[in-house]
Amino acid sequence: MSIRGIVLFVIIAGFLQTGCRENVLINSKLSPSTDSMGVYSTTLSCITHTVMNDSGLTSTNIGLPIYQAVGTITDPFFGSMYGATYFQVIPTTITSHLYDSSTIDSAFLILPYGGFTYGDSANSTLTQSYQVFYMLNPISLSTNYYNYTTSALDQEHPLSASSAVNIKKMKDSSATTVTIKSNYPSARIPLNLSILKNRLLSAQASLDSSSPIAAFINAFNGVCIKPTNANQSNSVLPYYRLDGTDTFSEAGILVYYHPNKAPTSVYIEPYYFSSSSCAHFNNISKNYAHFPVGNLYKSTQINDSIVALQNSPGPGIDVLIPGISKLPKGIINKVELQLTLLPGYTSTNLFAPEKLYSLGISNANYPTGLGAGISYLIADQYPTTSLTPLQVLDGYEHLFNSIYRTFTLDFPREMMASIAAGNDTLHLRINGTTDYYGAFHLVAGGGNYPDSNYRSKVKIVYSKLNK
């Protein structure tokens, strides 16, 4: 049942329970017949700018799938993007004697495909080239890491050579039929055994500790998978998933070995990413120079005619709604910010995000005591323990008049709270999602766009008692 259906159900149920008892409705002596409740609408203009959100937390671990952007992509409007992933692994078998009387035959770095590709995903010939390195510095689950975070790598002893990965032709993570699950398409990169064994076997020896997992993580800092060439130009960027449903759908290292007494046997030891034990982060950098979005950042217009947005880290949209204190007195039923995509800027390959989110930006007057320029959750986002506010806020794309692709965000409670506090200008920041870092492509008409059909605006519906 839809939200509207639930509301109607509750209202009807209330009437059925109370019946038509006398004086349940307001007596006409108390509410003269000359009074009536009117519903009105008005439109407010807004001031818009494109702003850079260059600081994004990429070590989030809140029980949701952990996706990592690994590779490079060039967007003709938003510029180039580079992504590398850093993460820790833990062993499956907790013993320091695993490889006693055995021979290690090979090892592979596994990055399971996350099911999402941004860009020209239909092109079956496109590849990304990756290389694997050992991290020289430890990372920690208790530390926040951002898109600009890096960690020193053992550049002199890379764990792999450059390896080209065709996104359309990824292999199963195990690439074998040895009594394990398959069908996990992954980037599967061969590792340099001699270098890996020096690092891995000493960490394996630490498993005799009373806290073996912690001891292993302290002995083996983790790995980094990054593009071989940071300047390579690609039109497609895959996103990989670090966590999974079982060992072979999780990022990590697969070591193949055999007992010396059974040289034809094949054993696999997975060293895998565990979200409960292992830290991670996604290093992401962007270059906007000489691309259209760079001009939006440098704009000196009072009100821009075009605005742009990507997932963080990347551009967001600044919206100021002045003159709200002059709105007619009444009950505000709906406050809808409309951002309409401009034709010619969006394509099948370079597409807008599924949903937009809004934050408030404080000024000297509102919210009280917060200080100016601080982001905050708007009133319509509460309670944060419920998903219902996200449904009310909307943030999705809608098709108006079979022509205009428009994202709408609704925030009546925030508007009423701002007016009640004596604030005259409401300041919002519109962002994309945080699941696929840096992805998506939204170019919309700003508050000064010449065509009113595409111009950013705020539609308000309010009720008041007519005398």
Protein backbone atom coordinates (compact mmCIF):
# COMPACT_ATOMS: atom_id res chain seq x y z
CA MET A 1 0.00 0.00 0.00
CA SER A 2 1.26 3.47 -0.88
CA ILE A 3 1.85 6.18 1.73
CA ARG A 4 -1.22 7.98 0.41
CA GLY A 5 -3.25 4.79 0.74
CA ILE A 6 -2.12 4.34 4.34
CA VAL A 7 -3.10 7.89 5.23
CA LEU A 8 -6.55 7.47 3.64
CA PHE A 9 -7.00 4.20 5.45
CA VAL A 10 -6.25 5.82 8.82
CA ILE A 11 -8.66 8.69 8.16
CA ILE A 12 -11.50 6.43 7.05
CA ALA A 13 -10.93 4.10 9.99
CA GLY A 14 -11.20 7.07 12.34
CA PHE A 15 -14.58 8.06 10.95
CA LEU A 16 -15.88 4.50 11.11
CA GLN A 17 -14.97 4.24 14.78
CA THR A 18 -16.51 7.57 15.81
CA GLY A 19 -19.62 7.45 13.64
CA CYS A 20 -21.74 10.57 13.20
CA ARG A 21 -22.28 11.62 16.78
CA GLU A 22 -23.72 15.07 17.40
CA ASN A 23 -21.21 17.91 17.78
CA VAL A 24 -18.31 15.74 16.58
CA LEU A 25 -17.98 18.18 13.70
CA ILE A 26 -17.42 21.84 14.56
CA ASN A 27 -20.76 23.43 15.31
CA SER A 28 -21.75 26.10 12.79
CA LYS A 29 -22.22 28.53 15.69
CA LEU A 30 -18.49 28.22 16.39
CA SER A 31 -17.44 28.26 12.72
CA PRO A 32 -19.62 30.70 10.81
CA SER A 33 -20.63 29.55 7.36
CA THR A 34 -18.98 32.58 5.82
CA ASP A 35 -15.56 31.15 6.80
CA SER A 36 -13.86 28.54 4.62
CA MET A 37 -10.46 26.93 4.37
CA GLY A 38 -8.76 27.82 1.12
CA VAL A 39 -5.81 26.08 -0.50
CA TYR A 40 -3.41 28.26 -2.46
CA SER A 41 -0.10 27.94 -4.27
CA THR A 42 2.76 30.24 -5.03
CA THR A 43 6.21 29.99 -6.57
CA LEU A 44 9.43 31.36 -5.11
CA SER A 45 12.56 32.05 -7.09
CA CYS A 46 15.86 30.71 -5.79
CA ILE A 47 19.54 31.55 -6.09
CA THR A 48 21.71 28.64 -7.20
CA HIS A 49 25.42 27.88 -7.48
CA THR A 50 27.57 24.82 -8.09
CA VAL A 51 29.89 24.15 -5.17
CA MET A 52 32.72 21.68 -4.73
CA ASN A 53 32.32 18.99 -2.11
CA ASP A 54 35.91 17.74 -2.13
CA SER A 55 35.82 15.94 1.22
CA GLY A 56 33.97 12.65 1.36
CA LEU A 57 34.21 9.93 4.00
CA THR A 58 35.11 6.68 2.19
CA SER A 59 35.71 4.34 5.12
CA THR A 60 32.02 4.06 6.03
CA ASN A 61 31.07 0.74 7.59
CA ILE A 62 27.44 0.82 8.70
CA GLY A 63 26.16 -2.55 7.53
CA LEU A 64 25.48 -1.52 3.92
CA PRO A 65 27.39 -2.96 0.92
CA ILE A 66 30.88 -1.48 0.61
CA TYR A 67 31.51 -0.38 -2.98
CA GLN A 68 34.84 0.95 -4.22
CA ALA A 69 35.61 2.91 -7.38
CA VAL A 70 38.82 1.49 -8.87
CA GLY A 71 40.11 2.85 -12.15
CA THR A 72 39.88 6.04 -14.16
CA ILE A 73 37.15 7.73 -16.19
CA THR A 74 36.86 10.98 -18.14
CA ASP A 75 33.50 12.72 -18.29
CA PRO A 76 33.32 15.45 -20.98
CA PHE A 77 31.49 17.79 -18.60
CA PHE A 78 32.80 16.83 -15.13
CA GLY A 79 36.42 16.01 -15.95
CA SER A 80 38.58 13.05 -14.99
CA MET A 81 38.38 10.81 -11.94
CA TYR A 82 40.87 8.39 -10.40
CA GLY A 83 40.05 5.74 -7.80
CA ALA A 84 42.15 3.27 -5.76
CA THR A 85 41.07 0.98 -2.94
CA TYR A 86 42.99 0.18 0.25
CA PHE A 87 41.88 -2.63 2.54
CA GLN A 88 42.96 -5.24 5.07
CA VAL A 89 42.39 -9.01 4.95
CA ILE A 90 42.24 -11.83 7.49
CA PRO A 91 42.93 -15.58 7.06
CA THR A 92 40.25 -18.24 6.90
CA THR A 93 42.28 -20.91 8.70
CA ILE A 94 43.57 -19.83 12.11
CA THR A 95 46.83 -21.74 12.36
CA SER A 96 50.47 -20.90 11.87
CA HIS A 97 51.15 -24.38 10.44
CA LEU A 98 48.86 -24.20 7.42
CA TYR A 99 51.64 -24.47 4.85
CA ASP A 100 53.82 -26.98 6.75
CA SER A 101 54.86 -29.75 4.36
CA SER A 102 53.06 -27.94 1.54
CA THR A 103 54.01 -25.90 -1.51
CA ILE A 104 52.33 -22.64 -2.50
CA ASP A 105 51.66 -22.73 -6.24
CA SER A 106 50.04 -19.38 -7.03
CA ALA A 107 48.07 -16.48 -5.58
CA PHE A 108 45.54 -13.99 -6.94
CA LEU A 109 44.11 -10.71 -5.77
CA ILE A 110 40.32 -10.85 -6.02
CA LEU A 111 38.03 -7.83 -6.43
CA PRO A 112 34.40 -8.94 -6.86
CA TYR A 113 32.41 -6.86 -9.30
CA GLY A 114 29.80 -4.76 -7.47
CA GLY A 115 27.19 -4.94 -10.22
CA PHE A 116 27.43 -1.28 -11.20
CA THR A 117 29.45 0.40 -13.94
CA TYR A 118 29.39 4.11 -14.65
CA GLY A 119 29.97 5.19 -18.23
CA ASP A 120 30.00 3.26 -21.48
CA SER A 121 29.15 -0.11 -19.92
CA ALA A 122 27.84 -1.55 -23.21
CA ASN A 123 31.28 -1.42 -24.86
CA SER A 124 32.70 -4.96 -24.55
CA THR A 125 36.24 -3.97 -25.56
CA LEU A 126 37.02 -1.48 -22.80
CA THR A 127 39.51 -2.45 -20.10
CA GLN A 128 41.05 -1.02 -16.95
CA SER A 129 44.68 -1.77 -16.03
CA TYR A 130 45.45 -2.37 -12.36
CA GLN A 131 48.44 -3.06 -10.16
CA VAL A 132 48.57 -4.37 -6.57
CA PHE A 133 50.86 -3.01 -3.82
CA TYR A 134 51.49 -3.77 -0.16
CA MET A 135 50.66 -0.99 2.30
CA LEU A 136 53.62 0.09 4.41
CA ASN A 137 51.48 1.80 7.04
CA PRO A 138 48.71 0.22 9.13
CA ILE A 139 45.11 1.43 9.01
CA SER A 140 42.46 1.07 11.68
CA LEU A 141 38.72 0.42 11.95
CA SER A 142 38.49 3.19 14.54
CA THR A 143 39.87 5.87 12.19
CA ASN A 144 37.94 7.84 9.59
CA TYR A 145 39.48 7.95 6.12
CA TYR A 146 38.48 10.28 3.30
CA ASN A 147 38.74 10.43 -0.47
CA TYR A 148 41.99 12.40 -0.16
CA THR A 149 43.56 9.85 2.24
CA THR A 150 46.58 7.92 1.00
CA SER A 151 48.92 5.37 2.53
CA ALA A 152 52.57 4.71 1.75
CA LEU A 153 53.05 1.74 -0.58
CA ASP A 154 55.97 -0.58 -1.25
CA GLN A 155 56.56 0.78 -4.74
CA GLU A 156 59.90 -1.00 -5.07
CA HIS A 157 58.34 -4.42 -4.61
CA PRO A 158 54.89 -4.41 -6.24
CA LEU A 159 52.74 -7.42 -5.46
CA SER A 160 51.73 -7.70 -9.12
CA ALA A 161 52.58 -6.62 -12.61
CA SER A 162 50.13 -4.44 -14.51
CA SER A 163 47.02 -6.47 -15.27
CA ALA A 164 44.31 -5.53 -17.79
CA VAL A 165 40.72 -6.31 -16.75
CA ASN A 166 37.87 -6.43 -19.25
CA ILE A 167 34.72 -5.65 -17.32
CA LYS A 168 32.58 -7.72 -19.68
CA LYS A 169 34.82 -10.78 -19.39
CA MET A 170 35.55 -11.09 -15.68
CA LYS A 171 36.31 -14.57 -14.37
CA ASP A 172 34.92 -16.35 -11.33
CA SER A 173 36.86 -15.41 -8.24
CA SER A 174 38.07 -18.98 -7.73
CA ALA A 175 38.48 -19.88 -11.43
CA THR A 176 38.31 -23.51 -10.39
CA THR A 177 35.70 -26.14 -9.58
CA VAL A 178 37.26 -27.38 -6.35
CA THR A 179 34.20 -27.93 -4.12
CA ILE A 180 33.51 -24.21 -3.69
CA LYS A 181 30.95 -21.77 -4.99
CA SER A 182 31.64 -20.08 -8.30
CA ASN A 183 29.90 -17.48 -10.43
CA TYR A 184 31.38 -14.48 -8.65
CA PRO A 185 32.65 -12.29 -11.50
CA SER A 186 35.80 -10.55 -10.28
CA ALA A 187 38.93 -8.73 -11.27
CA ARG A 188 41.44 -11.57 -10.79
CA ILE A 189 45.03 -10.31 -10.70
CA PRO A 190 48.01 -12.75 -10.52
CA LEU A 191 50.36 -11.92 -7.65
CA ASN A 192 54.14 -12.16 -7.42
CA LEU A 193 54.64 -15.22 -5.22
CA SER A 194 58.13 -14.52 -3.96
CA ILE A 195 57.21 -11.02 -2.75
CA LEU A 196 53.84 -12.04 -1.35
CA LYS A 197 55.24 -15.00 0.59
CA ASN A 198 57.77 -12.78 2.38
CA ARG A 199 54.91 -10.68 3.73
CA LEU A 200 52.27 -13.34 4.15
CA LEU A 201 54.18 -16.16 5.80
CA SER A 202 55.53 -13.97 8.57
CA ALA A 203 51.97 -12.79 9.25
CA GLN A 204 50.79 -16.41 9.21
CA ALA A 205 53.28 -17.20 11.98
CA SER A 206 51.57 -14.61 14.21
CA LEU A 207 48.40 -16.73 14.37
CA ASP A 208 49.72 -18.59 17.42
CA SER A 209 48.87 -15.46 19.41
CA SER A 210 46.02 -15.42 21.92
CA SER A 211 44.36 -12.81 19.65
CA PRO A 212 45.19 -14.27 16.25
CA ILE A 213 43.08 -12.00 14.02
CA ALA A 214 44.42 -8.82 15.61
CA ALA A 215 47.95 -10.23 15.47
CA PHE A 216 47.59 -11.03 11.76
CA ILE A 217 46.26 -7.55 10.94
CA ASN A 218 49.16 -6.02 12.87
CA ALA A 219 51.62 -8.16 10.90
CA PHE A 220 50.02 -7.72 7.45
CA ASN A 221 49.00 -4.09 6.87
CA GLY A 222 46.87 -4.72 3.80
CA VAL A 223 46.87 -4.12 0.06
CA CYS A 224 46.14 -1.36 -2.42
CA ILE A 225 44.72 -1.88 -5.91
CA LYS A 226 45.13 1.14 -8.13
CA PRO A 227 45.19 2.05 -11.81
CA THR A 228 48.52 1.32 -13.45
CA ASN A 229 48.51 4.76 -15.03
CA ALA A 230 46.71 7.57 -13.24
CA ASN A 231 46.49 9.52 -16.49
CA GLN A 232 44.90 6.81 -18.62
CA SER A 233 41.68 8.00 -20.22
CA ASN A 234 38.69 5.66 -19.99
CA SER A 235 35.00 6.02 -20.71
CA VAL A 236 33.85 3.42 -18.19
CA LEU A 237 34.48 2.94 -14.47
CA PRO A 238 33.55 -0.27 -12.59
CA TYR A 239 32.65 -0.39 -8.92
CA TYR A 240 33.78 -3.38 -6.87
CA ARG A 241 32.34 -4.72 -3.64
CA LEU A 242 34.67 -5.50 -0.74
CA ASP A 243 32.20 -7.35 1.48
CA GLY A 244 30.02 -10.22 0.33
CA THR A 245 27.83 -13.10 1.39
CA ASP A 246 30.63 -15.65 1.79
CA THR A 247 34.40 -15.93 1.54
CA PHE A 248 34.55 -16.23 -2.24
CA SER A 249 32.35 -13.22 -2.87
CA GLU A 250 34.57 -10.98 -0.73
CA ALA A 251 37.64 -9.06 -1.80
CA GLY A 252 40.94 -10.57 -0.79
CA ILE A 253 43.78 -12.90 -1.74
CA LEU A 254 43.34 -16.51 -2.81
CA VAL A 255 46.41 -18.69 -2.21
CA TYR A 256 46.60 -22.00 -4.10
CA TYR A 257 48.75 -24.73 -2.59
CA HIS A 258 49.18 -28.51 -2.41
CA PRO A 259 50.54 -30.95 0.17
CA ASN A 260 53.95 -32.21 -0.86
CA LYS A 261 52.66 -35.77 -0.61
CA ALA A 262 49.81 -35.02 -3.03
CA PRO A 263 51.22 -32.84 -5.80
CA THR A 264 48.11 -33.09 -7.97
CA SER A 265 45.76 -31.89 -5.23
CA VAL A 266 44.54 -28.31 -5.17
CA TYR A 267 43.83 -26.44 -1.94
CA ILE A 268 42.76 -22.82 -1.58
CA GLU A 269 43.32 -20.55 1.40
CA PRO A 270 41.28 -17.31 1.19
CA TYR A 271 42.53 -14.19 2.95
CA TYR A 272 39.40 -12.10 2.82
CA PHE A 273 38.00 -8.69 3.72
CA SER A 274 35.76 -8.84 6.79
CA SER A 275 33.77 -5.69 7.53
CA SER A 276 33.83 -6.51 11.25
CA SER A 277 37.62 -6.86 11.43
CA CYS A 278 39.16 -5.03 8.49
CA ALA A 279 39.56 -1.32 7.74
CA HIS A 280 39.30 0.13 4.25
CA PHE A 281 39.06 3.36 2.29
CA ASN A 282 38.63 4.55 -1.28
CA ASN A 283 41.16 7.14 -2.44
CA ILE A 284 39.52 9.32 -5.10
CA SER A 285 40.84 12.36 -6.90
CA LYS A 286 39.27 14.50 -9.60
CA ASN A 287 40.60 16.96 -12.14
CA TYR A 288 38.17 19.63 -13.34
CA ALA A 289 40.62 21.86 -15.17
CA HIS A 290 39.61 22.64 -18.76
CA PHE A 291 36.16 21.05 -18.33
CA PRO A 292 32.79 22.88 -18.21
CA VAL A 293 32.18 22.15 -14.53
CA GLY A 294 35.39 24.03 -13.72
CA ASN A 295 33.80 27.19 -15.10
CA LEU A 296 30.79 26.70 -12.82
CA TYR A 297 33.09 26.55 -9.79
CA LYS A 298 34.69 29.83 -10.82
CA SER A 299 31.43 31.58 -11.67
CA THR A 300 31.03 35.10 -10.28
CA GLN A 301 27.35 35.40 -11.23
CA ILE A 302 24.95 36.31 -8.44
CA ASN A 303 22.65 33.53 -9.66
CA ASP A 304 23.91 30.83 -12.01
CA SER A 305 21.88 29.69 -14.99
CA ILE A 306 23.32 26.13 -14.95
CA VAL A 307 24.11 23.93 -11.96
CA ALA A 308 25.76 20.50 -11.78
CA LEU A 309 25.96 17.59 -9.35
CA GLN A 310 27.74 14.27 -8.88
CA ASN A 311 28.06 11.88 -5.99
CA SER A 312 30.54 12.91 -3.32
CA PRO A 313 33.35 13.72 -3.71
CA GLY A 314 32.25 16.08 -6.42
CA PRO A 315 30.06 19.06 -7.18
CA GLY A 316 26.88 19.78 -5.25
CA ILE A 317 24.20 22.42 -5.67
CA ASP A 318 23.83 25.40 -3.35
CA VAL A 319 20.25 26.75 -3.13
CA LEU A 320 19.21 29.95 -1.36
CA ILE A 321 15.49 30.72 -1.05
CA PRO A 322 15.08 34.39 -0.05
CA GLY A 323 11.96 36.23 1.07
CA ILE A 324 10.31 33.36 2.95
CA SER A 325 9.24 35.64 5.80
CA LYS A 326 6.91 37.42 3.36
CA LEU A 327 4.92 34.30 2.56
CA PRO A 328 1.17 34.61 3.32
CA LYS A 329 0.25 33.48 6.80
CA GLY A 330 -1.19 29.98 6.85
CA ILE A 331 -0.39 26.30 7.09
CA ILE A 332 2.28 25.17 4.67
CA ASN A 333 1.27 21.85 3.14
CA LYS A 334 4.02 21.39 0.57
CA VAL A 335 7.35 23.01 -0.30
CA GLU A 336 8.86 21.50 -3.42
CA LEU A 337 12.25 22.41 -4.86
CA GLN A 338 12.37 21.55 -8.57
CA LEU A 339 15.62 20.87 -10.44
CA THR A 340 15.04 20.10 -14.12
CA LEU A 341 17.63 18.33 -16.27
CA LEU A 342 18.80 20.29 -19.29
CA PRO A 343 18.45 18.51 -22.64
CA GLY A 344 21.69 17.60 -24.37
CA TYR A 345 23.71 17.11 -21.19
CA THR A 346 22.55 13.63 -20.18
CA SER A 347 23.04 10.43 -22.15
CA THR A 348 22.48 6.70 -21.80
CA ASN A 349 26.05 6.29 -20.57
CA LEU A 350 26.35 9.43 -18.46
CA PHE A 351 23.20 9.51 -16.39
CA ALA A 352 21.80 11.29 -13.34
CA PRO A 353 21.69 9.69 -9.87
CA GLU A 354 18.61 7.84 -8.73
CA LYS A 355 17.96 10.13 -5.77
CA LEU A 356 19.04 13.51 -4.38
CA TYR A 357 19.43 14.51 -0.74
CA SER A 358 19.32 17.89 0.96
CA LEU A 359 21.08 19.37 3.96
CA GLY A 360 20.52 22.72 5.58
CA ILE A 361 23.29 25.31 5.80
CA SER A 362 23.09 27.57 8.84
CA ASN A 363 23.34 31.35 8.86
CA ALA A 364 23.81 33.80 11.71
CA ASN A 365 20.12 33.59 12.66
CA TYR A 366 19.00 30.03 11.97
CA PRO A 367 19.21 27.44 13.43
CA THR A 368 19.77 29.13 16.77
CA GLY A 369 23.20 28.63 18.31
CA LEU A 370 24.70 26.67 15.41
CA GLY A 371 26.86 29.38 13.87
CA ALA A 372 27.10 30.32 10.20
CA GLY A 373 28.04 27.94 7.40
CA ILE A 374 27.45 24.67 9.26
CA SER A 375 25.53 21.82 7.60
CA TYR A 376 22.65 20.26 9.53
CA LEU A 377 19.81 17.79 9.05
CA ILE A 378 16.64 19.62 8.08
CA ALA A 379 13.46 19.14 10.13
CA ASP A 380 11.88 16.88 7.49
CA GLN A 381 14.65 14.30 7.92
CA TYR A 382 13.55 13.46 11.46
CA PRO A 383 13.16 11.01 13.03
CA THR A 384 16.37 9.52 11.67
CA THR A 385 15.38 6.10 13.04
CA SER A 386 12.58 5.85 10.47
CA LEU A 387 12.61 5.54 6.67
CA THR A 388 9.32 7.43 6.38
CA PRO A 389 10.97 10.90 6.21
CA LEU A 390 12.99 9.78 3.19
CA GLN A 391 9.75 8.93 1.40
CA VAL A 392 8.23 12.31 2.24
CA LEU A 393 11.38 14.17 1.18
CA ASP A 394 11.15 12.52 -2.24
CA GLY A 395 14.36 13.44 -4.13
CA TYR A 396 13.49 11.27 -7.14
CA GLU A 397 13.16 12.17 -10.81
CA HIS A 398 9.67 12.79 -12.22
CA LEU A 399 8.49 13.41 -15.76
CA PHE A 400 6.34 16.53 -16.12
CA ASN A 401 4.18 17.12 -19.21
CA SER A 402 5.90 14.13 -20.84
CA ILE A 403 8.92 16.40 -21.48
CA TYR A 404 10.64 17.75 -18.39
CA ARG A 405 12.77 15.41 -16.30
CA THR A 406 12.59 17.05 -12.88
CA PHE A 407 13.99 16.08 -9.48
CA THR A 408 11.78 17.26 -6.64
CA LEU A 409 12.66 17.64 -2.95
CA ASP A 410 9.94 18.41 -0.41
CA PHE A 411 10.63 20.13 2.94
CA PRO A 412 7.51 21.79 4.45
CA ARG A 413 8.53 21.29 8.10
CA GLU A 414 11.92 22.92 7.54
CA MET A 415 10.27 25.88 5.82
CA MET A 416 7.79 26.35 8.68
CA ALA A 417 10.55 26.04 11.30
CA SER A 418 12.68 28.60 9.47
CA ILE A 419 9.82 31.10 9.20
CA ALA A 420 8.84 30.59 12.84
CA ALA A 421 12.42 31.43 13.86
CA GLY A 422 12.24 34.74 11.98
CA ASN A 423 14.61 33.62 9.23
CA ASP A 424 14.15 35.27 5.83
CA THR A 425 16.45 33.12 3.66
CA LEU A 426 16.56 29.32 3.73
CA HIS A 427 19.89 27.85 2.59
CA LEU A 428 20.08 24.25 1.32
CA ARG A 429 22.84 22.05 -0.08
CA ILE A 430 21.77 19.36 -2.56
CA ASN A 431 23.97 16.27 -2.77
CA GLY A 432 23.96 12.93 -4.50
CA THR A 433 24.21 9.56 -2.80
CA THR A 434 27.28 8.09 -1.09
CA ASP A 435 27.11 4.51 -2.34
CA TYR A 436 29.00 4.91 -5.62
CA TYR A 437 31.66 7.52 -4.91
CA GLY A 438 32.04 10.23 -7.53
CA ALA A 439 29.59 8.72 -10.01
CA PHE A 440 26.66 10.16 -12.00
CA HIS A 441 26.08 13.21 -14.15
CA LEU A 442 23.40 15.81 -13.40
CA VAL A 443 23.25 19.16 -15.20
CA ALA A 444 20.14 21.21 -14.47
CA GLY A 445 18.76 24.67 -15.07
CA GLY A 446 19.74 27.08 -12.30
CA GLY A 447 17.78 29.89 -10.72
CA ASN A 448 18.73 32.23 -13.56
CA TYR A 449 18.08 29.90 -16.51
CA PRO A 450 16.25 31.87 -19.27
CA ASP A 451 13.57 29.23 -19.95
CA SER A 452 11.20 29.11 -16.97
CA ASN A 453 10.33 25.48 -17.73
CA TYR A 454 13.90 24.48 -16.85
CA ARG A 455 14.62 27.15 -14.25
CA SER A 456 15.11 26.01 -10.64
CA LYS A 457 12.17 27.08 -8.51
CA VAL A 458 10.30 26.36 -5.28
CA LYS A 459 6.59 25.50 -5.46
CA ILE A 460 4.63 26.11 -2.25
CA VAL A 461 1.12 24.94 -1.39
CA TYR A 462 -0.47 26.46 1.73
CA SER A 463 -3.84 26.64 3.46
CA LYS A 464 -5.49 29.53 5.26
CA LEU A 465 -8.88 30.42 6.65
CA ASN A 466 -10.86 32.76 4.45
CA LYS A 467 -13.08 35.31 6.21
